[in-house]
Amino acid sequence: MTNKKLTVEIPEELFNRFFAYLISQSEPRRNPTFQEVNAAAEEALTRWLDQAKKAAAEKD
């Protein structure tokens, strides 16, 4: 699979919540690595797309 870069602007509150969550999940409460941030963003985007697809299917 080829990786593509996605740059998005999000509200500061959402940015802070995202990183606070990542830090709370890491051991021992450290700043997340680049790879951890990418993995979490990929997981969040995948969940969002799956939910959107499910919601669209339920409308049909």
N, C-alpha and C. Protein backbone atom coordinates (compact mmCIF):
# COMPACT_ATOMS: atom_id res chain seq x y z
N MET A 1 0.85 -1.17 0.00
CA MET A 1 0.00 0.00 0.00
C MET A 1 0.90 1.24 0.00
N THR A 2 0.52 2.20 -0.79
CA THR A 2 1.25 3.46 -0.85
C THR A 2 0.68 4.42 0.19
N ASN A 3 1.53 5.11 0.90
CA ASN A 3 1.10 6.11 1.87
C ASN A 3 1.02 7.47 1.22
N LYS A 4 0.02 8.23 1.57
CA LYS A 4 -0.16 9.60 1.10
C LYS A 4 -0.21 10.51 2.31
N LYS A 5 0.19 11.74 2.15
CA LYS A 5 0.17 12.71 3.24
C LYS A 5 -1.14 13.48 3.21
N LEU A 6 -1.77 13.61 4.36
CA LEU A 6 -3.01 14.37 4.50
C LEU A 6 -2.78 15.44 5.56
N THR A 7 -2.90 16.68 5.16
CA THR A 7 -2.73 17.78 6.10
C THR A 7 -4.09 18.45 6.28
N VAL A 8 -4.51 18.55 7.53
CA VAL A 8 -5.80 19.17 7.82
C VAL A 8 -5.64 20.19 8.94
N GLU A 9 -6.47 21.19 8.90
CA GLU A 9 -6.53 22.17 9.98
C GLU A 9 -7.72 21.81 10.84
N ILE A 10 -7.47 21.68 12.14
CA ILE A 10 -8.54 21.34 13.08
C ILE A 10 -8.54 22.37 14.21
N PRO A 11 -9.68 22.51 14.90
CA PRO A 11 -9.72 23.44 16.03
C PRO A 11 -8.71 23.03 17.10
N GLU A 12 -8.15 24.02 17.78
CA GLU A 12 -7.15 23.76 18.81
C GLU A 12 -7.67 22.82 19.89
N GLU A 13 -8.93 22.95 20.26
CA GLU A 13 -9.52 22.09 21.28
C GLU A 13 -9.46 20.62 20.86
N LEU A 14 -9.77 20.34 19.60
CA LEU A 14 -9.72 18.97 19.11
C LEU A 14 -8.28 18.46 19.06
N PHE A 15 -7.37 19.31 18.63
CA PHE A 15 -5.95 18.97 18.62
C PHE A 15 -5.48 18.61 20.02
N ASN A 16 -5.82 19.44 21.00
CA ASN A 16 -5.42 19.20 22.39
C ASN A 16 -6.03 17.92 22.94
N ARG A 17 -7.29 17.66 22.63
CA ARG A 17 -7.94 16.42 23.08
C ARG A 17 -7.26 15.20 22.48
N PHE A 18 -6.92 15.27 21.20
CA PHE A 18 -6.28 14.16 20.51
C PHE A 18 -4.94 13.82 21.17
N PHE A 19 -4.11 14.84 21.39
CA PHE A 19 -2.80 14.59 21.99
C PHE A 19 -2.91 14.21 23.46
N ALA A 20 -3.86 14.78 24.19
CA ALA A 20 -4.05 14.38 25.59
C ALA A 20 -4.43 12.91 25.66
N TYR A 21 -5.27 12.46 24.74
CA TYR A 21 -5.64 11.05 24.70
C TYR A 21 -4.43 10.18 24.39
N LEU A 22 -3.65 10.55 23.39
CA LEU A 22 -2.47 9.76 23.05
C LEU A 22 -1.49 9.67 24.22
N ILE A 23 -1.27 10.79 24.89
CA ILE A 23 -0.36 10.79 26.02
C ILE A 23 -0.90 9.93 27.15
N SER A 24 -2.20 9.99 27.39
CA SER A 24 -2.79 9.18 28.47
C SER A 24 -2.70 7.69 28.18
N GLN A 25 -2.60 7.31 26.91
CA GLN A 25 -2.53 5.91 26.54
C GLN A 25 -1.09 5.39 26.47
N SER A 26 -0.12 6.28 26.51
CA SER A 26 1.27 5.85 26.38
C SER A 26 1.88 5.54 27.74
N GLU A 27 2.89 4.75 27.70
CA GLU A 27 3.63 4.42 28.91
C GLU A 27 5.04 4.93 28.76
N PRO A 28 5.61 5.58 29.67
CA PRO A 28 5.06 6.16 30.90
C PRO A 28 4.68 7.63 30.69
N ARG A 29 3.52 7.89 30.27
CA ARG A 29 2.96 9.25 30.10
C ARG A 29 3.95 10.21 29.45
N ARG A 30 4.36 9.88 28.26
CA ARG A 30 5.33 10.67 27.52
C ARG A 30 4.68 11.21 26.26
N ASN A 31 5.36 12.12 25.60
CA ASN A 31 4.86 12.60 24.32
C ASN A 31 4.90 11.47 23.31
N PRO A 32 3.85 11.32 22.52
CA PRO A 32 3.81 10.22 21.54
C PRO A 32 4.83 10.41 20.43
N THR A 33 5.28 9.29 19.89
CA THR A 33 6.21 9.34 18.75
C THR A 33 5.44 9.68 17.48
N PHE A 34 6.17 10.04 16.45
CA PHE A 34 5.58 10.32 15.15
C PHE A 34 4.75 9.13 14.67
N GLN A 35 5.30 7.92 14.83
CA GLN A 35 4.60 6.72 14.39
C GLN A 35 3.31 6.49 15.17
N GLU A 36 3.33 6.78 16.47
CA GLU A 36 2.12 6.63 17.29
C GLU A 36 1.05 7.63 16.88
N VAL A 37 1.46 8.84 16.58
CA VAL A 37 0.50 9.87 16.13
C VAL A 37 -0.12 9.44 14.80
N ASN A 38 0.71 8.99 13.88
CA ASN A 38 0.19 8.54 12.59
C ASN A 38 -0.76 7.36 12.74
N ALA A 39 -0.40 6.39 13.57
CA ALA A 39 -1.25 5.22 13.77
C ALA A 39 -2.59 5.62 14.37
N ALA A 40 -2.57 6.51 15.34
CA ALA A 40 -3.81 6.96 15.98
C ALA A 40 -4.68 7.74 15.00
N ALA A 41 -4.07 8.60 14.19
CA ALA A 41 -4.83 9.36 13.20
C ALA A 41 -5.44 8.42 12.16
N GLU A 42 -4.67 7.43 11.74
CA GLU A 42 -5.18 6.46 10.76
C GLU A 42 -6.36 5.68 11.34
N GLU A 43 -6.24 5.28 12.61
CA GLU A 43 -7.33 4.55 13.26
C GLU A 43 -8.58 5.42 13.38
N ALA A 44 -8.39 6.68 13.78
CA ALA A 44 -9.53 7.59 13.93
C ALA A 44 -10.21 7.85 12.58
N LEU A 45 -9.43 8.06 11.54
CA LEU A 45 -9.99 8.30 10.21
C LEU A 45 -10.73 7.06 9.70
N THR A 46 -10.16 5.90 9.94
CA THR A 46 -10.80 4.65 9.51
C THR A 46 -12.15 4.47 10.22
N ARG A 47 -12.17 4.71 11.53
CA ARG A 47 -13.44 4.59 12.29
C ARG A 47 -14.48 5.57 11.76
N TRP A 48 -14.05 6.80 11.51
CA TRP A 48 -14.98 7.82 11.03
C TRP A 48 -15.56 7.42 9.67
N LEU A 49 -14.70 6.95 8.77
CA LEU A 49 -15.18 6.54 7.45
C LEU A 49 -16.11 5.33 7.55
N ASP A 50 -15.77 4.37 8.40
CA ASP A 50 -16.64 3.20 8.59
C ASP A 50 -18.01 3.60 9.13
N GLN A 51 -18.02 4.53 10.09
CA GLN A 51 -19.29 5.00 10.66
C GLN A 51 -20.11 5.75 9.62
N ALA A 52 -19.45 6.57 8.81
CA ALA A 52 -20.15 7.32 7.76
C ALA A 52 -20.75 6.36 6.74
N LYS A 53 -20.00 5.34 6.37
CA LYS A 53 -20.50 4.35 5.41
C LYS A 53 -21.69 3.59 5.99
N LYS A 54 -21.60 3.22 7.25
CA LYS A 54 -22.70 2.50 7.91
C LYS A 54 -23.95 3.37 7.99
N ALA A 55 -23.76 4.65 8.33
CA ALA A 55 -24.89 5.57 8.42
C ALA A 55 -25.55 5.76 7.05
N ALA A 56 -24.75 5.83 6.01
CA ALA A 56 -25.28 5.98 4.65
C ALA A 56 -26.06 4.72 4.24
N ALA A 57 -25.55 3.56 4.60
CA ALA A 57 -26.23 2.30 4.27
C ALA A 57 -27.56 2.18 5.00
N GLU A 58 -27.61 2.70 6.22
CA GLU A 58 -28.85 2.62 7.00
C GLU A 58 -29.93 3.54 6.45
N LYS A 59 -29.53 4.60 5.73
CA LYS A 59 -30.49 5.51 5.12
C LYS A 59 -31.18 4.87 3.92
N ASP A 60 -30.47 3.93 3.27
CA ASP A 60 -31.03 3.30 2.06
C ASP A 60 -32.08 2.29 2.37
